[in-house]
Amino acid sequence: MKYGARNALTAKVKSIKKGDVMSLIKFKVNKPSEMGSVITTESLEDLDLKVGDEVQLIIKAIHVMPVKE
């Protein structure tokens, strides 16, 4: 996936609240100190995110998308 450096942050997964359809993931970043993202639970499972994982946050106009490389 291509994305510009200006719309990406490095972050650690702080917490995961898993739902049947949608899941909330909170991230620790330097500035601001915390961000969150709501993604489908299927996407959460596909990314295999765990608390403490380091990810790239892709900032789009309507949402924050975690990317694990």
PDB file of N, CA and C in Angstrom:
ATOM      1  N   MET A   1       0.844  -1.175   0.000  1.00  0.00           N
ATOM      2  CA  MET A   1       0.000   0.000   0.000  1.00  0.00           C
ATOM      3  C   MET A   1       0.890   1.239   0.000  1.00  0.00           C
ATOM      4  N   LYS A   2       0.572   2.217  -0.845  1.00  0.00           N
ATOM      5  CA  LYS A   2       1.330   3.460  -0.887  1.00  0.00           C
ATOM      6  C   LYS A   2       0.655   4.500  -0.013  1.00  0.00           C
ATOM      7  N   TYR A   3       1.489   5.269   0.698  1.00  0.00           N
ATOM      8  CA  TYR A   3       0.980   6.375   1.494  1.00  0.00           C
ATOM      9  C   TYR A   3       2.103   7.364   1.697  1.00  0.00           C
ATOM     10  N   GLY A   4       1.747   8.629   1.902  1.00  0.00           N
ATOM     11  CA  GLY A   4       2.745   9.673   2.084  1.00  0.00           C
ATOM     12  C   GLY A   4       3.227   9.752   3.521  1.00  0.00           C
ATOM     13  N   ALA A   5       4.470  10.218   3.709  1.00  0.00           N
ATOM     14  CA  ALA A   5       5.053  10.314   5.049  1.00  0.00           C
ATOM     15  C   ALA A   5       4.288  11.285   5.933  1.00  0.00           C
ATOM     16  N   ARG A   6       3.667  12.281   5.351  1.00  0.00           N
ATOM     17  CA  ARG A   6       2.954  13.280   6.146  1.00  0.00           C
ATOM     18  C   ARG A   6       1.675  12.747   6.768  1.00  0.00           C
ATOM     19  N   ASN A   7       1.172  11.629   6.293  1.00  0.00           N
ATOM     20  CA  ASN A   7      -0.074  11.108   6.846  1.00  0.00           C
ATOM     21  C   ASN A   7       0.128   9.765   7.538  1.00  0.00           C
ATOM     22  N   ALA A   8       1.351   9.511   8.050  1.00  0.00           N
ATOM     23  CA  ALA A   8       1.632   8.245   8.732  1.00  0.00           C
ATOM     24  C   ALA A   8       2.367   8.506  10.039  1.00  0.00           C
ATOM     25  N   LEU A   9       2.004   7.753  11.081  1.00  0.00           N
ATOM     26  CA  LEU A   9       2.649   7.831  12.389  1.00  0.00           C
ATOM     27  C   LEU A   9       3.019   6.427  12.836  1.00  0.00           C
ATOM     28  N   THR A  10       4.133   6.282  13.556  1.00  0.00           N
ATOM     29  CA  THR A  10       4.466   5.009  14.182  1.00  0.00           C
ATOM     30  C   THR A  10       3.803   4.975  15.546  1.00  0.00           C
ATOM     31  N   ALA A  11       3.197   3.852  15.896  1.00  0.00           N
ATOM     32  CA  ALA A  11       2.449   3.752  17.153  1.00  0.00           C
ATOM     33  C   ALA A  11       2.534   2.338  17.707  1.00  0.00           C
ATOM     34  N   LYS A  12       2.216   2.199  19.001  1.00  0.00           N
ATOM     35  CA  LYS A  12       2.091   0.883  19.624  1.00  0.00           C
ATOM     36  C   LYS A  12       0.635   0.660  19.987  1.00  0.00           C
ATOM     37  N   VAL A  13       0.169  -0.583  19.818  1.00  0.00           N
ATOM     38  CA  VAL A  13      -1.194  -0.929  20.199  1.00  0.00           C
ATOM     39  C   VAL A  13      -1.265  -0.898  21.724  1.00  0.00           C
ATOM     40  N   LYS A  14      -2.158  -0.052  22.261  1.00  0.00           N
ATOM     41  CA  LYS A  14      -2.303   0.104  23.714  1.00  0.00           C
ATOM     42  C   LYS A  14      -3.376  -0.820  24.263  1.00  0.00           C
ATOM     43  N   SER A  15      -4.509  -0.903  23.556  1.00  0.00           N
ATOM     44  CA  SER A  15      -5.593  -1.772  24.012  1.00  0.00           C
ATOM     45  C   SER A  15      -6.467  -2.151  22.828  1.00  0.00           C
ATOM     46  N   ILE A  16      -7.183  -3.266  22.994  1.00  0.00           N
ATOM     47  CA  ILE A  16      -8.109  -3.749  21.968  1.00  0.00           C
ATOM     48  C   ILE A  16      -9.418  -4.116  22.646  1.00  0.00           C
ATOM     49  N   LYS A  17     -10.521  -3.558  22.141  1.00  0.00           N
ATOM     50  CA  LYS A  17     -11.863  -3.935  22.600  1.00  0.00           C
ATOM     51  C   LYS A  17     -12.536  -4.600  21.404  1.00  0.00           C
ATOM     52  N   LYS A  18     -12.579  -5.936  21.423  1.00  0.00           N
ATOM     53  CA  LYS A  18     -13.052  -6.722  20.288  1.00  0.00           C
ATOM     54  C   LYS A  18     -14.562  -6.902  20.357  1.00  0.00           C
ATOM     55  N   GLY A  19     -15.246  -6.614  19.251  1.00  0.00           N
ATOM     56  CA  GLY A  19     -16.678  -6.821  19.161  1.00  0.00           C
ATOM     57  C   GLY A  19     -17.001  -7.886  18.133  1.00  0.00           C
ATOM     58  N   ASP A  20     -18.281  -8.217  18.002  1.00  0.00           N
ATOM     59  CA  ASP A  20     -18.702  -9.226  17.032  1.00  0.00           C
ATOM     60  C   ASP A  20     -18.441  -8.777  15.596  1.00  0.00           C
ATOM     61  N   VAL A  21     -18.690  -7.486  15.324  1.00  0.00           N
ATOM     62  CA  VAL A  21     -18.544  -6.963  13.969  1.00  0.00           C
ATOM     63  C   VAL A  21     -17.462  -5.886  13.888  1.00  0.00           C
ATOM     64  N   MET A  22     -17.428  -4.965  14.851  1.00  0.00           N
ATOM     65  CA  MET A  22     -16.461  -3.873  14.866  1.00  0.00           C
ATOM     66  C   MET A  22     -15.603  -3.973  16.118  1.00  0.00           C
ATOM     67  N   SER A  23     -14.370  -3.491  16.037  1.00  0.00           N
ATOM     68  CA  SER A  23     -13.445  -3.527  17.167  1.00  0.00           C
ATOM     69  C   SER A  23     -12.782  -2.168  17.309  1.00  0.00           C
ATOM     70  N   LEU A  24     -12.494  -1.760  18.562  1.00  0.00           N
ATOM     71  CA  LEU A  24     -11.832  -0.493  18.864  1.00  0.00           C
ATOM     72  C   LEU A  24     -10.414  -0.783  19.311  1.00  0.00           C
ATOM     73  N   ILE A  25      -9.438  -0.168  18.645  1.00  0.00           N
ATOM     74  CA  ILE A  25      -8.038  -0.314  19.009  1.00  0.00           C
ATOM     75  C   ILE A  25      -7.524   1.058  19.401  1.00  0.00           C
ATOM     76  N   LYS A  26      -6.863   1.163  20.564  1.00  0.00           N
ATOM     77  CA  LYS A  26      -6.242   2.416  20.983  1.00  0.00           C
ATOM     78  C   LYS A  26      -4.737   2.275  20.815  1.00  0.00           C
ATOM     79  N   PHE A  27      -4.098   3.378  20.384  1.00  0.00           N
ATOM     80  CA  PHE A  27      -2.674   3.381  20.076  1.00  0.00           C
ATOM     81  C   PHE A  27      -1.945   4.429  20.900  1.00  0.00           C
ATOM     82  N   LYS A  28      -0.704   4.138  21.277  1.00  0.00           N
ATOM     83  CA  LYS A  28       0.161   5.110  21.931  1.00  0.00           C
ATOM     84  C   LYS A  28       1.073   5.695  20.865  1.00  0.00           C
ATOM     85  N   VAL A  29       1.016   7.014  20.717  1.00  0.00           N
ATOM     86  CA  VAL A  29       1.869   7.746  19.777  1.00  0.00           C
ATOM     87  C   VAL A  29       2.532   8.889  20.529  1.00  0.00           C
ATOM     88  N   ASN A  30       3.572   9.488  19.948  1.00  0.00           N
ATOM     89  CA  ASN A  30       4.264  10.578  20.631  1.00  0.00           C
ATOM     90  C   ASN A  30       3.420  11.838  20.725  1.00  0.00           C
ATOM     91  N   LYS A  31       2.914  12.336  19.616  1.00  0.00           N
ATOM     92  CA  LYS A  31       2.104  13.556  19.617  1.00  0.00           C
ATOM     93  C   LYS A  31       0.966  13.375  18.635  1.00  0.00           C
ATOM     94  N   PRO A  32      -0.271  13.448  18.979  1.00  0.00           N
ATOM     95  CA  PRO A  32      -0.772  13.461  20.355  1.00  0.00           C
ATOM     96  C   PRO A  32      -0.398  12.169  21.062  1.00  0.00           C
ATOM     97  N   SER A  33      -0.667  12.085  22.349  1.00  0.00           N
ATOM     98  CA  SER A  33      -0.195  10.929  23.121  1.00  0.00           C
ATOM     99  C   SER A  33      -0.988   9.652  22.866  1.00  0.00           C
ATOM    100  N   GLU A  34      -2.202   9.747  22.338  1.00  0.00           N
ATOM    101  CA  GLU A  34      -3.024   8.560  22.091  1.00  0.00           C
ATOM    102  C   GLU A  34      -4.001   8.822  20.958  1.00  0.00           C
ATOM    103  N   MET A  35      -4.259   7.786  20.152  1.00  0.00           N
ATOM    104  CA  MET A  35      -5.257   7.846  19.092  1.00  0.00           C
ATOM    105  C   MET A  35      -6.030   6.541  19.113  1.00  0.00           C
ATOM    106  N   GLY A  36      -7.176   6.513  18.459  1.00  0.00           N
ATOM    107  CA  GLY A  36      -7.974   5.297  18.389  1.00  0.00           C
ATOM    108  C   GLY A  36      -8.463   5.050  16.974  1.00  0.00           C
ATOM    109  N   SER A  37      -8.886   3.814  16.722  1.00  0.00           N
ATOM    110  CA  SER A  37      -9.401   3.429  15.417  1.00  0.00           C
ATOM    111  C   SER A  37     -10.481   2.375  15.612  1.00  0.00           C
ATOM    112  N   VAL A  38     -11.571   2.504  14.893  1.00  0.00           N
ATOM    113  CA  VAL A  38     -12.613   1.479  14.883  1.00  0.00           C
ATOM    114  C   VAL A  38     -12.544   0.803  13.520  1.00  0.00           C
ATOM    115  N   ILE A  39     -12.284  -0.512  13.534  1.00  0.00           N
ATOM    116  CA  ILE A  39     -12.192  -1.289  12.299  1.00  0.00           C
ATOM    117  C   ILE A  39     -13.063  -2.530  12.455  1.00  0.00           C
ATOM    118  N   THR A  40     -13.329  -3.206  11.354  1.00  0.00           N
ATOM    119  CA  THR A  40     -14.109  -4.440  11.467  1.00  0.00           C
ATOM    120  C   THR A  40     -13.297  -5.476  12.242  1.00  0.00           C
ATOM    121  N   THR A  41     -13.990  -6.332  12.949  1.00  0.00           N
ATOM    122  CA  THR A  41     -13.325  -7.398  13.698  1.00  0.00           C
ATOM    123  C   THR A  41     -12.591  -8.325  12.736  1.00  0.00           C
ATOM    124  N   GLU A  42     -13.125  -8.525  11.547  1.00  0.00           N
ATOM    125  CA  GLU A  42     -12.444  -9.340  10.540  1.00  0.00           C
ATOM    126  C   GLU A  42     -11.088  -8.728  10.183  1.00  0.00           C
ATOM    127  N   SER A  43     -11.046  -7.401  10.012  1.00  0.00           N
ATOM    128  CA  SER A  43      -9.777  -6.727   9.725  1.00  0.00           C
ATOM    129  C   SER A  43      -8.813  -6.848  10.893  1.00  0.00           C
ATOM    130  N   LEU A  44      -9.334  -6.730  12.123  1.00  0.00           N
ATOM    131  CA  LEU A  44      -8.504  -6.896  13.318  1.00  0.00           C
ATOM    132  C   LEU A  44      -7.846  -8.267  13.319  1.00  0.00           C
ATOM    133  N   GLU A  45      -8.634  -9.290  13.030  1.00  0.00           N
ATOM    134  CA  GLU A  45      -8.111 -10.661  13.009  1.00  0.00           C
ATOM    135  C   GLU A  45      -7.136 -10.863  11.850  1.00  0.00           C
ATOM    136  N   ASP A  46      -7.421 -10.266  10.677  1.00  0.00           N
ATOM    137  CA  ASP A  46      -6.510 -10.370   9.529  1.00  0.00           C
ATOM    138  C   ASP A  46      -5.154  -9.734   9.837  1.00  0.00           C
ATOM    139  N   LEU A  47      -5.170  -8.595  10.540  1.00  0.00           N
ATOM    140  CA  LEU A  47      -3.925  -7.915  10.907  1.00  0.00           C
ATOM    141  C   LEU A  47      -3.198  -8.622  12.049  1.00  0.00           C
ATOM    142  N   ASP A  48      -3.914  -9.479  12.776  1.00  0.00           N
ATOM    143  CA  ASP A  48      -3.348 -10.195  13.921  1.00  0.00           C
ATOM    144  C   ASP A  48      -2.734  -9.215  14.919  1.00  0.00           C
ATOM    145  N   LEU A  49      -3.464  -8.112  15.197  1.00  0.00           N
ATOM    146  CA  LEU A  49      -2.967  -7.101  16.132  1.00  0.00           C
ATOM    147  C   LEU A  49      -3.045  -7.600  17.558  1.00  0.00           C
ATOM    148  N   LYS A  50      -2.003  -7.291  18.309  1.00  0.00           N
ATOM    149  CA  LYS A  50      -1.950  -7.618  19.734  1.00  0.00           C
ATOM    150  C   LYS A  50      -1.467  -6.392  20.480  1.00  0.00           C
ATOM    151  N   VAL A  51      -1.882  -6.235  21.744  1.00  0.00           N
ATOM    152  CA  VAL A  51      -1.418  -5.131  22.571  1.00  0.00           C
ATOM    153  C   VAL A  51       0.107  -5.165  22.599  1.00  0.00           C
ATOM    154  N   GLY A  52       0.730  -4.019  22.349  1.00  0.00           N
ATOM    155  CA  GLY A  52       2.183  -3.915  22.320  1.00  0.00           C
ATOM    156  C   GLY A  52       2.780  -3.962  20.925  1.00  0.00           C
ATOM    157  N   ASP A  53       1.995  -4.383  19.904  1.00  0.00           N
ATOM    158  CA  ASP A  53       2.492  -4.407  18.526  1.00  0.00           C
ATOM    159  C   ASP A  53       2.789  -2.984  18.051  1.00  0.00           C
ATOM    160  N   GLU A  54       3.859  -2.818  17.279  1.00  0.00           N
ATOM    161  CA  GLU A  54       4.152  -1.537  16.656  1.00  0.00           C
ATOM    162  C   GLU A  54       3.575  -1.552  15.253  1.00  0.00           C
ATOM    163  N   VAL A  55       2.853  -0.484  14.902  1.00  0.00           N
ATOM    164  CA  VAL A  55       2.184  -0.380  13.605  1.00  0.00           C
ATOM    165  C   VAL A  55       2.410   1.010  13.030  1.00  0.00           C
ATOM    166  N   GLN A  56       2.083   1.187  11.763  1.00  0.00           N
ATOM    167  CA  GLN A  56       2.003   2.499  11.141  1.00  0.00           C
ATOM    168  C   GLN A  56       0.535   2.888  11.128  1.00  0.00           C
ATOM    169  N   LEU A  57       0.225   4.117  11.530  1.00  0.00           N
ATOM    170  CA  LEU A  57      -1.143   4.630  11.448  1.00  0.00           C
ATOM    171  C   LEU A  57      -1.231   5.494  10.201  1.00  0.00           C
ATOM    172  N   ILE A  58      -2.131   5.136   9.312  1.00  0.00           N
ATOM    173  CA  ILE A  58      -2.346   5.898   8.093  1.00  0.00           C
ATOM    174  C   ILE A  58      -3.538   6.810   8.341  1.00  0.00           C
ATOM    175  N   ILE A  59      -3.306   8.107   8.283  1.00  0.00           N
ATOM    176  CA  ILE A  59      -4.346   9.083   8.595  1.00  0.00           C
ATOM    177  C   ILE A  59      -5.049   9.472   7.299  1.00  0.00           C
ATOM    178  N   LYS A  60      -6.350   9.191   7.240  1.00  0.00           N
ATOM    179  CA  LYS A  60      -7.168   9.578   6.097  1.00  0.00           C
ATOM    180  C   LYS A  60      -8.190  10.590   6.600  1.00  0.00           C
ATOM    181  N   ALA A  61      -8.830  11.264   5.692  1.00  0.00           N
ATOM    182  CA  ALA A  61      -9.768  12.320   6.063  1.00  0.00           C
ATOM    183  C   ALA A  61     -10.876  11.818   6.979  1.00  0.00           C
ATOM    184  N   ILE A  62     -11.302  10.563   6.820  1.00  0.00           N
ATOM    185  CA  ILE A  62     -12.442  10.092   7.601  1.00  0.00           C
ATOM    186  C   ILE A  62     -12.101   9.051   8.653  1.00  0.00           C
ATOM    187  N   HIS A  63     -10.863   8.496   8.654  1.00  0.00           N
ATOM    188  CA  HIS A  63     -10.543   7.492   9.663  1.00  0.00           C
ATOM    189  C   HIS A  63      -9.038   7.270   9.807  1.00  0.00           C
ATOM    190  N   VAL A  64      -8.658   6.560  10.870  1.00  0.00           N
ATOM    191  CA  VAL A  64      -7.276   6.161  11.120  1.00  0.00           C
ATOM    192  C   VAL A  64      -7.173   4.674  10.820  1.00  0.00           C
ATOM    193  N   MET A  65      -6.244   4.286   9.946  1.00  0.00           N
ATOM    194  CA  MET A  65      -6.127   2.896   9.518  1.00  0.00           C
ATOM    195  C   MET A  65      -4.778   2.319   9.960  1.00  0.00           C
ATOM    196  N   PRO A  66      -4.769   1.270  10.825  1.00  0.00           N
ATOM    197  CA  PRO A  66      -3.498   0.670  11.208  1.00  0.00           C
ATOM    198  C   PRO A  66      -2.950  -0.230  10.102  1.00  0.00           C
ATOM    199  N   VAL A  67      -1.626  -0.188   9.913  1.00  0.00           N
ATOM    200  CA  VAL A  67      -0.948  -1.035   8.933  1.00  0.00           C
ATOM    201  C   VAL A  67       0.190  -1.738   9.650  1.00  0.00           C
ATOM    202  N   LYS A  68       0.240  -3.056   9.571  1.00  0.00           N
ATOM    203  CA  LYS A  68       1.299  -3.841  10.208  1.00  0.00           C
ATOM    204  C   LYS A  68       2.147  -4.464   9.111  1.00  0.00           C
ATOM    205  N   GLU A  69       3.439  -4.115   9.089  1.00  0.00           N
ATOM    206  CA  GLU A  69       4.325  -4.615   8.035  1.00  0.00           C
ATOM    207  C   GLU A  69       5.319  -5.596   8.587  1.00  0.00           C
TER     208      GLU A  69
END
